[in-house]
Amino acid sequence: MKKVLFIASHRKDRAPGQRFRFEQYFEFLNANGYECELSYFLGEYEDRILYSKGKFFQKLSIVLKAAWIRWKNVRKRNQYSIIFIFREAFMTGSLFFEKKFRDSNAKLIFDFDDAIWHLDISKANRRFSFLKNPSKTGQIIKLCDMVFAGNSYLANYSKNFCERVVIIPTTIDTDEYIRIRKPETDTVTIGWSGSITTIKHFEFALPFLREIKKRYGDKIRIKVIGDASYRNSEFGITGIGWTKQDEIKELSDIDIGIMPLPDDEWAKGKCGLKGLQYMALEIPTIMSPVGVNTEIITDGINGFLASTTDEWVDKIGKLVDSKSLRTQMGTKARERVLQNYSVHAWQKEYLRYFDELTSHK
């Protein structure tokens, strides 16, 4: 049994990036000759502190704890065939731990799903931005034997630093993602799912949602999942916090899923996760035509792409007006995920790359 150490920030089933990039492959890898071990430093307590404003000394203690955990990883580094680094080993600009992992018997894989070489800091931690070093992403990639890039934009960046770059899209476990059918009502729910750090992207929806609300009034309802602190009195929105156990139930309540994004360098690195989640649950989906979204959606077939306010209003309106269109487009959406963005579609490729690395010493 070959041992793989997965280096990440969060505990299992906590962070979408980790869940949909590698955690959902653990069972398959374990059944095919790889013993998977996840090393993280953010538990429930650390989560609450890290994403709160202030609390300097508590946050300093988290950094010290993280350093101690990573040092323990370093001491055991020769026990592994592969060390898999998701985004970074440590939350500051230091490459100390990645360099230590490089100096081992293990092959190194770097995996990422965002344009993290651009600085993006949450509001709660902007005073600590001086600790960040976005340019270290390329330096980490240089140390690695292989890169798993979430899309072609990330892959093209990675090729500046590493010869072996493969595209592994963010994928959905379609055995788990089965829609829970809700009672029929006359109200159409337009939903957005994200997190505290991405709620700013929901704000891009407000101009077109304002027009939709004028047109349809109480026929439509707007739902925000992922940030329990979010409030918008204009639309009567009270954000719902994310939990793993309620994720599919809350998403299944959505009739139309939206993923608005700015057309900037950070957004180009996104891997379409929100849209893929909606689509896997047969929810008709509208996304901004930014980055990989244009590969996921064939406009008018398995979803819609919309740029301007007029386009968003027109396409949401078509879905609000036609239940049959919502059903038809939702069916095509799930088919797209099953064929191209599911764990089943990618698990053998995932395993093949692991085997390729470990067969060459």
Protein backbone atom coordinates (compact mmCIF):
# COMPACT_ATOMS: atom_id res chain seq x y z
CA MET A 1 0.00 0.00 0.00
CA LYS A 2 1.47 3.33 -1.08
CA LYS A 3 0.93 6.20 1.34
CA VAL A 4 -0.24 9.64 0.24
CA LEU A 5 -0.15 12.69 2.49
CA PHE A 6 -2.68 15.35 1.54
CA ILE A 7 -1.62 18.79 2.78
CA ALA A 8 -4.53 21.22 3.19
CA SER A 9 -5.97 23.79 5.59
CA HIS A 10 -9.36 22.39 6.56
CA ARG A 11 -10.74 19.24 8.12
CA LYS A 12 -12.52 16.72 5.88
CA ASP A 13 -15.94 17.72 4.50
CA ARG A 14 -15.47 21.36 5.51
CA ALA A 15 -14.06 23.24 2.49
CA PRO A 16 -15.63 22.97 -0.98
CA GLY A 17 -12.27 23.23 -2.72
CA GLN A 18 -10.91 20.25 -0.83
CA ARG A 19 -14.09 18.20 -1.07
CA PHE A 20 -14.59 18.58 -4.79
CA ARG A 21 -10.91 18.54 -5.77
CA PHE A 22 -9.57 15.50 -3.91
CA GLU A 23 -11.42 14.32 -0.78
CA GLN A 24 -14.14 12.57 -2.76
CA TYR A 25 -11.45 10.41 -4.41
CA PHE A 26 -10.16 9.00 -1.11
CA GLU A 27 -12.36 5.91 -1.14
CA PHE A 28 -11.45 5.06 -4.73
CA LEU A 29 -7.74 5.60 -4.10
CA ASN A 30 -7.85 3.51 -0.92
CA ALA A 31 -9.42 0.68 -2.91
CA ASN A 32 -6.68 0.90 -5.55
CA GLY A 33 -3.45 0.72 -3.60
CA TYR A 34 -3.14 4.14 -1.96
CA GLU A 35 -3.54 4.88 1.74
CA CYS A 36 -4.76 8.47 2.04
CA GLU A 37 -3.93 10.67 5.03
CA LEU A 38 -5.19 14.25 5.38
CA SER A 39 -3.20 16.76 7.44
CA TYR A 40 -4.98 20.02 8.31
CA PHE A 41 -4.73 22.75 10.94
CA LEU A 42 -8.14 24.48 10.96
CA GLY A 43 -10.72 22.81 13.20
CA GLU A 44 -14.11 24.25 14.17
CA TYR A 45 -12.62 26.62 16.76
CA GLU A 46 -9.94 27.89 14.40
CA ASP A 47 -12.57 28.44 11.69
CA ARG A 48 -14.58 30.73 13.94
CA ILE A 49 -11.51 32.75 14.92
CA LEU A 50 -9.89 32.98 11.51
CA TYR A 51 -12.95 34.41 9.75
CA SER A 52 -13.77 36.89 12.52
CA LYS A 53 -12.54 40.47 12.65
CA GLY A 54 -9.66 41.30 14.98
CA LYS A 55 -8.60 38.61 17.50
CA PHE A 56 -4.94 39.11 16.69
CA PHE A 57 -3.50 36.92 19.45
CA GLN A 58 -5.92 34.06 18.80
CA LYS A 59 -4.97 34.18 15.13
CA LEU A 60 -1.29 34.20 16.06
CA SER A 61 -1.87 31.03 18.08
CA ILE A 62 -3.44 29.41 15.00
CA VAL A 63 -0.34 30.24 12.96
CA LEU A 64 1.89 28.68 15.64
CA LYS A 65 -0.30 25.58 15.79
CA ALA A 66 -0.18 25.28 12.00
CA ALA A 67 3.61 25.54 12.03
CA TRP A 68 3.85 22.75 14.60
CA ILE A 69 1.56 20.46 12.58
CA ARG A 70 3.54 21.09 9.42
CA TRP A 71 6.81 20.44 11.20
CA LYS A 72 5.44 17.05 12.27
CA ASN A 73 4.56 16.40 8.63
CA VAL A 74 8.13 17.26 7.65
CA ARG A 75 9.57 14.79 10.15
CA LYS A 76 7.50 12.00 8.58
CA ARG A 77 7.97 13.06 4.95
CA ASN A 78 9.99 10.01 3.87
CA GLN A 79 7.15 7.67 4.82
CA TYR A 80 5.06 8.74 1.81
CA SER A 81 5.11 7.91 -1.88
CA ILE A 82 3.24 11.11 -2.74
CA ILE A 83 2.80 14.40 -0.91
CA PHE A 84 -0.20 16.22 -2.37
CA ILE A 85 -0.26 19.98 -1.66
CA PHE A 86 -3.56 21.77 -2.06
CA ARG A 87 -2.83 25.46 -2.72
CA GLU A 88 -0.08 25.84 -0.09
CA ALA A 89 1.38 24.12 2.95
CA PHE A 90 1.33 27.20 5.17
CA MET A 91 -0.76 30.39 5.28
CA THR A 92 2.09 32.91 5.14
CA GLY A 93 4.45 33.79 2.29
CA SER A 94 7.00 31.21 3.43
CA LEU A 95 8.00 28.19 1.29
CA PHE A 96 9.88 26.56 4.15
CA PHE A 97 7.65 23.50 4.40
CA GLU A 98 7.26 22.93 0.67
CA LYS A 99 11.06 22.96 0.34
CA LYS A 100 11.34 20.43 3.14
CA PHE A 101 8.80 18.18 1.40
CA ARG A 102 10.83 18.49 -1.81
CA ASP A 103 13.81 17.15 0.11
CA SER A 104 12.22 13.74 0.60
CA ASN A 105 11.59 10.39 -1.09
CA ALA A 106 8.06 11.46 -2.03
CA LYS A 107 6.81 12.77 -5.35
CA LEU A 108 5.05 16.12 -5.04
CA ILE A 109 1.70 17.04 -6.60
CA PHE A 110 0.39 20.59 -6.49
CA ASP A 111 -3.37 21.07 -6.86
CA PHE A 112 -5.31 24.33 -7.17
CA ASP A 113 -8.67 25.66 -8.31
CA ASP A 114 -8.27 29.45 -8.17
CA ALA A 115 -5.91 32.10 -9.56
CA ILE A 116 -4.17 32.28 -6.21
CA TRP A 117 -1.12 34.08 -7.65
CA HIS A 118 -3.38 37.14 -7.49
CA LEU A 119 -3.95 38.56 -4.01
CA ASP A 120 -7.48 37.98 -2.65
CA ILE A 121 -7.93 38.63 1.09
CA SER A 122 -11.13 38.34 3.11
CA LYS A 123 -12.36 41.55 4.81
CA ALA A 124 -11.75 40.03 8.25
CA ASN A 125 -8.03 39.55 7.54
CA ARG A 126 -7.02 42.50 5.38
CA ARG A 127 -4.75 43.86 8.12
CA PHE A 128 -2.72 40.64 7.78
CA SER A 129 -2.28 40.91 4.00
CA PHE A 130 1.41 41.74 4.50
CA LEU A 131 1.92 38.09 5.49
CA LYS A 132 0.74 36.89 2.09
CA ASN A 133 2.97 36.34 -0.93
CA PRO A 134 0.83 35.41 -3.95
CA SER A 135 3.91 35.02 -6.15
CA LYS A 136 4.94 32.02 -4.08
CA THR A 137 2.43 29.94 -6.07
CA GLY A 138 4.84 29.71 -9.00
CA GLN A 139 7.72 28.94 -6.67
CA ILE A 140 5.77 26.07 -5.09
CA ILE A 141 4.91 24.71 -8.53
CA LYS A 142 8.62 24.70 -9.42
CA LEU A 143 9.23 22.32 -6.52
CA CYS A 144 6.58 19.83 -7.66
CA ASP A 145 6.69 16.84 -9.99
CA MET A 146 3.15 17.30 -11.27
CA VAL A 147 0.40 19.91 -11.19
CA PHE A 148 -3.34 19.21 -11.10
CA ALA A 149 -4.85 22.40 -12.53
CA GLY A 150 -8.59 22.97 -12.35
CA ASN A 151 -8.86 24.52 -15.82
CA SER A 152 -6.81 25.64 -18.83
CA TYR A 153 -6.25 29.16 -17.45
CA LEU A 154 -4.58 27.71 -14.34
CA ALA A 155 -2.75 25.12 -16.45
CA ASN A 156 -1.25 27.75 -18.75
CA TYR A 157 0.08 29.64 -15.74
CA SER A 158 1.53 26.43 -14.25
CA LYS A 159 3.40 25.53 -17.45
CA ASN A 160 5.71 28.47 -16.80
CA PHE A 161 7.09 26.58 -13.80
CA CYS A 162 6.53 22.83 -14.29
CA GLU A 163 6.74 20.49 -17.28
CA ARG A 164 4.11 18.01 -16.09
CA VAL A 165 0.79 19.86 -15.87
CA VAL A 166 -2.55 18.10 -16.28
CA ILE A 167 -6.07 19.50 -16.17
CA ILE A 168 -8.30 17.85 -13.56
CA PRO A 169 -11.64 19.69 -13.47
CA THR A 170 -13.52 20.16 -10.25
CA THR A 171 -15.92 17.22 -10.13
CA ILE A 172 -19.17 16.21 -8.44
CA ASP A 173 -20.01 12.92 -6.74
CA THR A 174 -23.21 12.28 -8.68
CA ASP A 175 -24.08 9.28 -6.52
CA GLU A 176 -24.45 11.71 -3.63
CA TYR A 177 -25.86 14.62 -5.61
CA ILE A 178 -29.44 13.45 -6.18
CA ARG A 179 -32.12 16.13 -6.08
CA ILE A 180 -34.68 16.03 -3.29
CA ARG A 181 -38.03 16.79 -4.90
CA LYS A 182 -40.07 19.50 -3.19
CA PRO A 183 -43.84 20.12 -3.23
CA GLU A 184 -45.17 22.01 -6.25
CA THR A 185 -45.79 25.73 -5.67
CA ASP A 186 -46.36 28.79 -7.85
CA THR A 187 -43.24 30.47 -6.44
CA VAL A 188 -39.98 30.17 -8.38
CA THR A 189 -36.84 30.26 -6.24
CA ILE A 190 -33.73 31.87 -7.70
CA GLY A 191 -30.73 30.71 -5.70
CA TRP A 192 -27.06 31.47 -5.18
CA SER A 193 -24.65 29.30 -3.22
CA GLY A 194 -21.21 30.32 -2.03
CA SER A 195 -19.36 31.33 1.11
CA ILE A 196 -18.48 34.27 3.33
CA THR A 197 -15.50 35.02 1.10
CA THR A 198 -17.44 34.87 -2.19
CA ILE A 199 -20.66 36.68 -1.16
CA LYS A 200 -19.24 39.73 -2.97
CA HIS A 201 -19.94 37.89 -6.23
CA PHE A 202 -23.63 37.62 -5.34
CA GLU A 203 -23.72 41.43 -5.27
CA PHE A 204 -23.17 41.39 -9.05
CA ALA A 205 -26.65 39.86 -9.30
CA LEU A 206 -28.48 42.74 -7.61
CA PRO A 207 -29.08 44.91 -10.73
CA PHE A 208 -30.74 42.13 -12.71
CA LEU A 209 -32.54 40.68 -9.70
CA ARG A 210 -34.00 44.13 -9.12
CA GLU A 211 -35.49 44.07 -12.63
CA ILE A 212 -36.74 40.51 -12.20
CA LYS A 213 -38.41 41.47 -8.93
CA LYS A 214 -40.15 44.40 -10.63
CA ARG A 215 -41.46 42.09 -13.34
CA TYR A 216 -42.55 39.12 -11.23
CA GLY A 217 -43.08 40.44 -7.72
CA ASP A 218 -44.00 37.71 -5.23
CA LYS A 219 -43.85 35.01 -7.90
CA ILE A 220 -40.11 34.84 -7.35
CA ARG A 221 -38.09 34.27 -4.20
CA ILE A 222 -34.34 34.78 -3.81
CA LYS A 223 -32.25 32.45 -1.68
CA VAL A 224 -28.62 32.82 -0.56
CA ILE A 225 -26.74 29.82 0.83
CA GLY A 226 -23.31 29.92 2.46
CA ASP A 227 -23.22 33.15 4.46
CA ALA A 228 -25.57 33.16 7.45
CA SER A 229 -24.67 36.78 8.21
CA TYR A 230 -25.88 38.09 4.85
CA ARG A 231 -28.99 40.30 4.90
CA ASN A 232 -30.74 42.20 2.14
CA SER A 233 -34.00 43.86 3.14
CA GLU A 234 -34.79 45.00 -0.41
CA PHE A 235 -35.20 41.38 -1.51
CA GLY A 236 -36.16 39.93 1.86
CA ILE A 237 -33.03 37.78 1.94
CA THR A 238 -31.71 36.18 5.11
CA GLY A 239 -28.62 34.15 4.28
CA ILE A 240 -28.49 30.48 5.23
CA GLY A 241 -25.29 29.05 6.67
CA TRP A 242 -23.71 26.09 4.93
CA THR A 243 -23.71 22.65 6.54
CA LYS A 244 -22.66 19.40 4.91
CA GLN A 245 -25.72 17.52 6.17
CA ASP A 246 -28.18 20.08 4.74
CA GLU A 247 -26.30 20.98 1.57
CA ILE A 248 -28.32 18.93 -0.92
CA LYS A 249 -31.64 19.70 0.79
CA GLU A 250 -31.01 23.45 0.66
CA LEU A 251 -29.75 23.38 -2.93
CA SER A 252 -32.71 21.25 -4.02
CA ASP A 253 -35.03 24.06 -2.95
CA ILE A 254 -33.65 26.19 -5.82
CA ASP A 255 -35.52 26.31 -9.13
CA ILE A 256 -32.98 28.46 -10.99
CA GLY A 257 -29.30 28.61 -10.01
CA ILE A 258 -27.17 31.67 -10.73
CA MET A 259 -23.41 32.19 -10.81
CA PRO A 260 -22.59 35.83 -11.62
CA LEU A 261 -18.90 36.74 -11.81
CA PRO A 262 -16.83 39.80 -12.70
CA ASP A 263 -14.70 39.42 -15.81
CA ASP A 264 -11.36 39.74 -14.06
CA GLU A 265 -8.18 37.71 -13.65
CA TRP A 266 -9.29 36.12 -10.37
CA ALA A 267 -12.64 35.00 -11.80
CA LYS A 268 -10.95 33.49 -14.87
CA GLY A 269 -9.31 31.00 -12.54
CA LYS A 270 -12.62 29.80 -11.05
CA CYS A 271 -13.60 26.23 -11.81
CA GLY A 272 -17.38 26.59 -12.01
CA LEU A 273 -18.17 24.70 -8.81
CA LYS A 274 -21.41 26.53 -7.96
CA GLY A 275 -22.74 25.94 -11.44
CA LEU A 276 -21.72 22.28 -11.42
CA GLN A 277 -23.48 21.75 -8.09
CA TYR A 278 -26.71 23.20 -9.46
CA MET A 279 -26.41 21.27 -12.71
CA ALA A 280 -25.76 17.94 -10.98
CA LEU A 281 -29.06 18.43 -9.14
CA GLU A 282 -30.93 19.13 -12.40
CA ILE A 283 -31.29 22.81 -11.56
CA PRO A 284 -31.28 25.01 -14.70
CA THR A 285 -28.24 27.24 -14.37
CA ILE A 286 -27.21 30.68 -15.59
CA MET A 287 -23.55 31.71 -15.36
CA SER A 288 -21.41 34.62 -16.42
CA PRO A 289 -19.38 33.68 -19.54
CA VAL A 290 -16.09 33.91 -17.67
CA GLY A 291 -13.31 31.33 -17.74
CA VAL A 292 -14.30 27.68 -17.68
CA ASN A 293 -18.01 28.53 -17.50
CA THR A 294 -18.05 28.82 -21.29
CA GLU A 295 -16.83 25.21 -21.52
CA ILE A 296 -19.34 23.86 -18.99
CA ILE A 297 -22.42 25.57 -20.44
CA THR A 298 -23.63 25.29 -24.03
CA ASP A 299 -25.84 28.35 -24.10
CA GLY A 300 -29.51 27.51 -24.51
CA ILE A 301 -28.96 23.74 -24.31
CA ASN A 302 -27.78 22.70 -20.85
CA GLY A 303 -27.95 26.15 -19.29
CA PHE A 304 -27.59 29.83 -20.10
CA LEU A 305 -24.69 32.27 -20.27
CA ALA A 306 -25.42 35.93 -19.54
CA SER A 307 -23.25 39.06 -19.48
CA THR A 308 -25.40 42.17 -19.42
CA THR A 309 -28.32 42.99 -17.15
CA ASP A 310 -30.66 42.66 -20.14
CA GLU A 311 -29.33 39.17 -20.91
CA TRP A 312 -29.70 38.04 -17.30
CA VAL A 313 -33.26 39.40 -17.12
CA ASP A 314 -34.24 37.83 -20.44
CA LYS A 315 -32.86 34.39 -19.64
CA ILE A 316 -34.07 34.24 -16.05
CA GLY A 317 -37.45 35.38 -17.36
CA LYS A 318 -37.62 32.50 -19.84
CA LEU A 319 -37.00 30.02 -17.02
CA VAL A 320 -39.45 31.67 -14.63
CA ASP A 321 -42.15 31.58 -17.32
CA SER A 322 -41.65 27.95 -18.36
CA LYS A 323 -41.56 25.00 -16.01
CA SER A 324 -41.06 22.67 -18.98
CA LEU A 325 -37.94 24.62 -20.02
CA ARG A 326 -36.61 24.40 -16.47
CA THR A 327 -37.15 20.63 -16.48
CA GLN A 328 -35.64 20.13 -19.95
CA MET A 329 -32.59 22.27 -19.25
CA GLY A 330 -32.09 20.68 -15.82
CA THR A 331 -32.05 17.21 -17.36
CA LYS A 332 -29.45 18.26 -19.93
CA ALA A 333 -27.40 19.91 -17.20
CA ARG A 334 -27.11 16.73 -15.16
CA GLU A 335 -26.18 14.77 -18.28
CA ARG A 336 -23.34 17.22 -18.89
CA VAL A 337 -22.02 16.76 -15.37
CA LEU A 338 -22.30 12.96 -15.52
CA GLN A 339 -20.34 12.79 -18.77
CA ASN A 340 -17.66 15.40 -18.16
CA TYR A 341 -17.54 16.65 -14.55
CA SER A 342 -18.35 13.70 -12.30
CA VAL A 343 -16.13 11.60 -10.05
CA HIS A 344 -17.07 8.55 -12.14
CA ALA A 345 -15.87 10.28 -15.30
CA TRP A 346 -12.49 11.20 -13.80
CA GLN A 347 -11.53 8.67 -11.13
CA LYS A 348 -9.55 6.39 -13.45
CA GLU A 349 -7.59 9.35 -14.82
CA TYR A 350 -6.92 10.51 -11.28
CA LEU A 351 -5.55 7.09 -10.38
CA ARG A 352 -3.52 6.89 -13.58
CA TYR A 353 -1.59 10.05 -12.72
CA PHE A 354 -0.82 8.73 -9.25
CA ASP A 355 0.42 5.46 -10.76
CA GLU A 356 2.48 7.36 -13.34
CA LEU A 357 4.28 9.31 -10.61
CA THR A 358 4.95 6.39 -8.30
CA SER A 359 6.18 4.10 -11.08
CA HIS A 360 9.06 6.48 -11.89
CA LYS A 361 11.62 6.86 -9.13
